[in-house]
C-alpha cells in the first residue's frame, strides 16, 4: 500500500506535468477542413481557433447555409484532431504513473 506522502508527491508532479502539457498543447496546431478543403480551420491544441479560411468561390455561390455547414464541419474536424492530440499527450504524461484501481484516462 502506498503511503500518503508519496501519493501527494506524485499528485504534485502530475499537476506540474499537466500544466506543462497544457502549454505544449497551446503551442501546437491542428487543422480541419470540409468541402474538399474549401473551408479550413486552424486551431491550437488548446482548442482555440486561430484562423478560418473560406475559398472565394463559396462566396460567389452566395449559399449562406452551405457556408455555415462547411464552417461547422471544418471546426468539428479540427476539434476532433485537437482532442486526439490531447489524449496522446495525456497518455505520454501518465506513462509509468500508478493509478488507483478503476481509474482510467
N, C-alpha and C. Protein backbone atom coordinates (compact mmCIF):
# COMPACT_ATOMS: atom_id res chain seq x y z
N UNK A 1 0.84 -1.18 0.00
CA UNK A 1 0.00 0.00 0.00
C UNK A 1 0.89 1.25 0.00
N UNK A 2 0.52 2.23 -0.77
CA UNK A 2 1.30 3.44 -0.95
C UNK A 2 1.07 4.40 0.23
N UNK A 3 2.14 5.05 0.72
CA UNK A 3 1.93 5.99 1.81
C UNK A 3 1.44 7.33 1.28
N UNK A 4 0.82 8.10 2.17
CA UNK A 4 0.16 9.34 1.77
C UNK A 4 1.16 10.38 1.26
N UNK A 5 2.35 10.43 1.85
CA UNK A 5 3.37 11.38 1.40
C UNK A 5 3.79 11.14 -0.04
N UNK A 6 3.98 9.87 -0.37
CA UNK A 6 4.37 9.53 -1.74
C UNK A 6 3.24 9.86 -2.72
N UNK A 7 2.01 9.60 -2.30
CA UNK A 7 0.86 9.93 -3.15
C UNK A 7 0.78 11.43 -3.39
N UNK A 8 1.04 12.23 -2.36
CA UNK A 8 0.99 13.68 -2.50
C UNK A 8 2.10 14.17 -3.45
N UNK A 9 3.28 13.58 -3.35
CA UNK A 9 4.37 13.94 -4.26
C UNK A 9 4.00 13.62 -5.70
N UNK A 10 3.41 12.45 -5.90
CA UNK A 10 3.01 12.07 -7.26
C UNK A 10 1.91 12.99 -7.78
N UNK A 11 0.97 13.36 -6.91
CA UNK A 11 -0.10 14.27 -7.33
C UNK A 11 0.48 15.63 -7.72
N UNK A 12 1.44 16.12 -6.94
CA UNK A 12 2.07 17.40 -7.26
C UNK A 12 2.82 17.32 -8.59
N UNK A 13 3.55 16.23 -8.78
CA UNK A 13 4.29 16.06 -10.03
C UNK A 13 3.32 15.98 -11.21
N UNK A 14 2.21 15.27 -11.02
CA UNK A 14 1.23 15.15 -12.09
C UNK A 14 0.64 16.51 -12.42
N UNK A 15 0.37 17.33 -11.40
CA UNK A 15 -0.18 18.66 -11.62
C UNK A 15 0.81 19.52 -12.41
N UNK A 16 2.08 19.45 -12.06
CA UNK A 16 3.11 20.21 -12.78
C UNK A 16 3.20 19.73 -14.23
N UNK A 17 3.15 18.43 -14.42
CA UNK A 17 3.21 17.87 -15.77
C UNK A 17 1.98 18.27 -16.59
N UNK A 18 0.82 18.35 -15.95
CA UNK A 18 -0.40 18.76 -16.66
C UNK A 18 -0.27 20.20 -17.14
N UNK A 19 0.30 21.07 -16.30
CA UNK A 19 0.49 22.47 -16.71
C UNK A 19 1.44 22.54 -17.91
N UNK A 20 2.50 21.76 -17.86
CA UNK A 20 3.45 21.72 -18.97
C UNK A 20 2.77 21.20 -20.23
N UNK A 21 1.96 20.15 -20.09
CA UNK A 21 1.26 19.58 -21.23
C UNK A 21 0.29 20.60 -21.84
N UNK A 22 -0.42 21.36 -20.99
CA UNK A 22 -1.35 22.36 -21.50
C UNK A 22 -0.61 23.44 -22.29
N UNK A 23 0.56 23.83 -21.81
CA UNK A 23 1.35 24.83 -22.54
C UNK A 23 1.83 24.26 -23.88
N UNK A 24 2.24 23.00 -23.87
CA UNK A 24 2.68 22.37 -25.12
C UNK A 24 1.52 22.27 -26.11
N UNK A 25 0.35 21.89 -25.61
CA UNK A 25 -0.82 21.79 -26.49
C UNK A 25 -1.17 23.15 -27.09
N UNK A 26 -1.09 24.20 -26.29
CA UNK A 26 -1.42 25.53 -26.79
C UNK A 26 -0.49 25.96 -27.91
N UNK A 27 0.75 25.46 -27.88
CA UNK A 27 1.73 25.82 -28.91
C UNK A 27 1.57 24.99 -30.19
N UNK A 28 0.85 23.88 -30.11
CA UNK A 28 0.67 23.02 -31.28
C UNK A 28 -0.55 23.47 -32.08
N UNK A 29 -0.57 23.08 -33.34
CA UNK A 29 -1.70 23.43 -34.20
C UNK A 29 -2.23 22.20 -34.92
N UNK A 30 -3.54 22.19 -35.10
CA UNK A 30 -4.20 21.17 -35.92
C UNK A 30 -5.09 21.91 -36.90
N UNK A 31 -5.40 21.24 -38.01
CA UNK A 31 -6.30 21.87 -38.97
C UNK A 31 -7.42 20.91 -39.30
N UNK A 32 -8.55 21.50 -39.58
CA UNK A 32 -9.70 20.73 -40.02
C UNK A 32 -10.20 21.33 -41.32
N UNK A 33 -10.83 20.50 -42.12
CA UNK A 33 -11.33 21.02 -43.40
C UNK A 33 -12.66 20.37 -43.74
N UNK A 34 -13.35 21.02 -44.64
CA UNK A 34 -14.62 20.50 -45.14
C UNK A 34 -14.78 20.97 -46.58
N UNK A 35 -15.66 20.29 -47.28
CA UNK A 35 -15.92 20.66 -48.67
C UNK A 35 -14.69 20.49 -49.54
N UNK A 36 -13.94 19.42 -49.29
CA UNK A 36 -12.74 19.18 -50.10
C UNK A 36 -11.68 20.25 -49.94
N UNK A 37 -11.63 20.86 -48.76
CA UNK A 37 -10.63 21.89 -48.48
C UNK A 37 -11.12 23.30 -48.77
N UNK A 38 -12.38 23.44 -49.16
CA UNK A 38 -12.91 24.77 -49.45
C UNK A 38 -13.04 25.62 -48.19
N UNK A 39 -13.20 24.96 -47.05
CA UNK A 39 -13.21 25.65 -45.76
C UNK A 39 -12.17 24.97 -44.88
N UNK A 40 -11.29 25.77 -44.31
CA UNK A 40 -10.25 25.23 -43.43
C UNK A 40 -10.24 26.01 -42.12
N UNK A 41 -10.06 25.28 -41.03
CA UNK A 41 -9.97 25.88 -39.71
C UNK A 41 -8.63 25.48 -39.10
N UNK A 42 -7.89 26.47 -38.63
CA UNK A 42 -6.63 26.23 -37.93
C UNK A 42 -6.90 26.46 -36.45
N UNK A 43 -6.57 25.47 -35.63
CA UNK A 43 -6.90 25.51 -34.22
C UNK A 43 -5.67 25.09 -33.42
N UNK A 44 -5.49 25.72 -32.27
CA UNK A 44 -4.43 25.29 -31.37
C UNK A 44 -4.83 24.00 -30.69
N UNK A 45 -3.84 23.32 -30.15
CA UNK A 45 -4.12 22.10 -29.41
C UNK A 45 -4.96 22.36 -28.18
N UNK A 46 -5.07 23.64 -27.78
CA UNK A 46 -5.91 24.04 -26.67
C UNK A 46 -7.34 24.35 -27.11
N UNK A 47 -7.64 24.05 -28.37
CA UNK A 47 -8.96 24.23 -28.99
C UNK A 47 -9.35 25.69 -29.20
N UNK A 48 -8.37 26.57 -29.29
CA UNK A 48 -8.63 27.96 -29.63
C UNK A 48 -8.47 28.11 -31.13
N UNK A 49 -9.52 28.59 -31.80
CA UNK A 49 -9.47 28.77 -33.26
C UNK A 49 -8.56 29.95 -33.57
N UNK A 50 -7.62 29.72 -34.46
CA UNK A 50 -6.66 30.76 -34.82
C UNK A 50 -6.93 31.37 -36.19
N UNK A 51 -7.54 30.57 -37.06
CA UNK A 51 -7.76 31.07 -38.42
C UNK A 51 -8.85 30.26 -39.10
N UNK A 52 -9.66 30.94 -39.89
CA UNK A 52 -10.67 30.29 -40.72
C UNK A 52 -10.45 30.79 -42.14
N UNK A 53 -10.30 29.87 -43.08
CA UNK A 53 -10.14 30.24 -44.49
C UNK A 53 -11.32 29.67 -45.27
N UNK A 54 -11.91 30.52 -46.10
CA UNK A 54 -13.04 30.11 -46.94
C UNK A 54 -12.69 30.43 -48.38
N UNK A 55 -12.77 29.43 -49.22
CA UNK A 55 -12.46 29.60 -50.64
C UNK A 55 -13.39 30.66 -51.23
N UNK A 56 -12.85 31.63 -51.97
CA UNK A 56 -13.66 32.70 -52.55
C UNK A 56 -14.81 32.20 -53.43
N UNK A 57 -14.66 31.02 -54.02
CA UNK A 57 -15.73 30.52 -54.89
C UNK A 57 -17.01 30.26 -54.10
N UNK A 58 -16.90 29.99 -52.80
CA UNK A 58 -18.10 29.79 -51.99
C UNK A 58 -18.88 31.09 -51.83
N UNK A 59 -18.17 32.21 -51.73
CA UNK A 59 -18.86 33.49 -51.61
C UNK A 59 -19.61 33.81 -52.91
N UNK A 60 -19.03 33.41 -54.02
CA UNK A 60 -19.68 33.66 -55.31
C UNK A 60 -21.02 32.93 -55.40
N UNK A 61 -21.08 31.75 -54.79
CA UNK A 61 -22.33 30.98 -54.82
C UNK A 61 -23.39 31.61 -53.92
N UNK A 62 -22.97 32.39 -52.95
CA UNK A 62 -23.87 33.07 -52.02
C UNK A 62 -24.85 32.11 -51.35
N UNK A 63 -24.38 30.93 -51.01
CA UNK A 63 -25.21 29.95 -50.32
C UNK A 63 -24.84 29.97 -48.84
N UNK A 64 -25.51 30.83 -48.11
CA UNK A 64 -25.21 31.04 -46.70
C UNK A 64 -25.27 29.75 -45.90
N UNK A 65 -26.29 28.95 -46.10
CA UNK A 65 -26.45 27.70 -45.35
C UNK A 65 -25.30 26.73 -45.62
N UNK A 66 -24.87 26.65 -46.88
CA UNK A 66 -23.76 25.77 -47.23
C UNK A 66 -22.47 26.22 -46.54
N UNK A 67 -22.21 27.52 -46.58
CA UNK A 67 -21.00 28.05 -45.95
C UNK A 67 -21.04 27.77 -44.45
N UNK A 68 -22.17 27.99 -43.82
CA UNK A 68 -22.30 27.74 -42.38
C UNK A 68 -22.06 26.27 -42.06
N UNK A 69 -22.63 25.39 -42.85
CA UNK A 69 -22.44 23.95 -42.64
C UNK A 69 -20.98 23.54 -42.80
N UNK A 70 -20.32 24.08 -43.82
CA UNK A 70 -18.92 23.74 -44.05
C UNK A 70 -18.01 24.28 -42.94
N UNK A 71 -18.30 25.49 -42.46
CA UNK A 71 -17.50 26.05 -41.36
C UNK A 71 -17.68 25.19 -40.11
N UNK A 72 -18.91 24.79 -39.81
CA UNK A 72 -19.16 23.94 -38.65
C UNK A 72 -18.45 22.60 -38.79
N UNK A 73 -18.50 22.01 -39.97
CA UNK A 73 -17.85 20.71 -40.19
C UNK A 73 -16.33 20.83 -40.06
N UNK A 74 -15.76 21.90 -40.60
CA UNK A 74 -14.31 22.10 -40.50
C UNK A 74 -13.90 22.33 -39.05
N UNK A 75 -14.70 23.10 -38.32
CA UNK A 75 -14.42 23.32 -36.90
C UNK A 75 -14.46 22.00 -36.14
N UNK A 76 -15.48 21.19 -36.38
CA UNK A 76 -15.60 19.91 -35.69
C UNK A 76 -14.44 18.98 -36.04
N UNK A 77 -14.00 19.00 -37.28
CA UNK A 77 -12.87 18.19 -37.71
C UNK A 77 -11.60 18.60 -36.95
N UNK A 78 -11.35 19.91 -36.87
CA UNK A 78 -10.18 20.40 -36.14
C UNK A 78 -10.29 20.09 -34.65
N UNK A 79 -11.48 20.23 -34.10
CA UNK A 79 -11.70 19.95 -32.68
C UNK A 79 -11.42 18.49 -32.36
N UNK A 80 -11.84 17.61 -33.24
CA UNK A 80 -11.59 16.18 -33.05
C UNK A 80 -10.09 15.90 -33.06
N UNK A 81 -9.37 16.54 -33.99
CA UNK A 81 -7.92 16.35 -34.05
C UNK A 81 -7.25 16.88 -32.78
N UNK A 82 -7.72 18.02 -32.27
CA UNK A 82 -7.15 18.59 -31.04
C UNK A 82 -7.40 17.65 -29.87
N UNK A 83 -8.57 17.04 -29.82
CA UNK A 83 -8.90 16.09 -28.76
C UNK A 83 -7.98 14.87 -28.82
N UNK A 84 -7.75 14.37 -30.02
CA UNK A 84 -6.85 13.22 -30.19
C UNK A 84 -5.42 13.58 -29.77
N UNK A 85 -4.99 14.78 -30.11
CA UNK A 85 -3.66 15.25 -29.73
C UNK A 85 -3.54 15.32 -28.21
N UNK A 86 -4.57 15.84 -27.55
CA UNK A 86 -4.56 15.94 -26.09
C UNK A 86 -4.52 14.55 -25.45
N UNK A 87 -5.27 13.60 -26.00
CA UNK A 87 -5.26 12.24 -25.46
C UNK A 87 -3.88 11.61 -25.58
N UNK A 88 -3.23 11.82 -26.72
CA UNK A 88 -1.88 11.29 -26.91
C UNK A 88 -0.92 11.88 -25.87
N UNK A 89 -1.03 13.19 -25.66
CA UNK A 89 -0.16 13.86 -24.68
C UNK A 89 -0.43 13.33 -23.27
N UNK A 90 -1.70 13.14 -22.93
CA UNK A 90 -2.06 12.64 -21.60
C UNK A 90 -1.52 11.24 -21.38
N UNK A 91 -1.61 10.41 -22.39
CA UNK A 91 -1.11 9.05 -22.24
C UNK A 91 0.39 9.05 -22.01
N UNK A 92 1.11 9.91 -22.71
CA UNK A 92 2.55 10.02 -22.50
C UNK A 92 2.87 10.55 -21.12
N UNK A 93 2.07 11.49 -20.66
CA UNK A 93 2.26 12.09 -19.34
C UNK A 93 2.04 11.07 -18.23
N UNK A 94 1.05 10.21 -18.42
CA UNK A 94 0.67 9.27 -17.38
C UNK A 94 1.47 7.97 -17.42
N UNK A 95 2.29 7.79 -18.43
CA UNK A 95 3.07 6.56 -18.54
C UNK A 95 3.93 6.37 -17.30
N UNK A 96 3.81 5.22 -16.71
CA UNK A 96 4.62 4.90 -15.55
C UNK A 96 4.08 5.40 -14.23
N UNK A 97 2.98 6.14 -14.26
CA UNK A 97 2.39 6.62 -13.01
C UNK A 97 1.32 5.64 -12.57
N UNK A 98 1.41 5.12 -11.38
CA UNK A 98 0.39 4.18 -10.92
C UNK A 98 -0.93 4.89 -10.67
N UNK A 99 -2.01 4.32 -11.14
CA UNK A 99 -3.34 4.89 -10.95
C UNK A 99 -4.12 4.00 -9.98
N UNK A 100 -5.02 4.60 -9.22
CA UNK A 100 -5.84 3.79 -8.33
C UNK A 100 -6.67 2.79 -9.13
N UNK A 101 -7.05 1.67 -8.52
CA UNK A 101 -7.87 0.68 -9.22
C UNK A 101 -9.17 1.31 -9.74
N UNK A 102 -9.52 1.01 -10.98
CA UNK A 102 -10.75 1.52 -11.58
C UNK A 102 -10.63 2.91 -12.18
N UNK A 103 -9.48 3.54 -12.07
CA UNK A 103 -9.28 4.88 -12.62
C UNK A 103 -8.60 4.77 -13.96
N UNK A 104 -9.15 5.45 -14.95
CA UNK A 104 -8.53 5.45 -16.27
C UNK A 104 -8.68 6.83 -16.89
N UNK A 105 -7.89 7.08 -17.92
CA UNK A 105 -7.96 8.36 -18.64
C UNK A 105 -8.90 8.25 -19.81
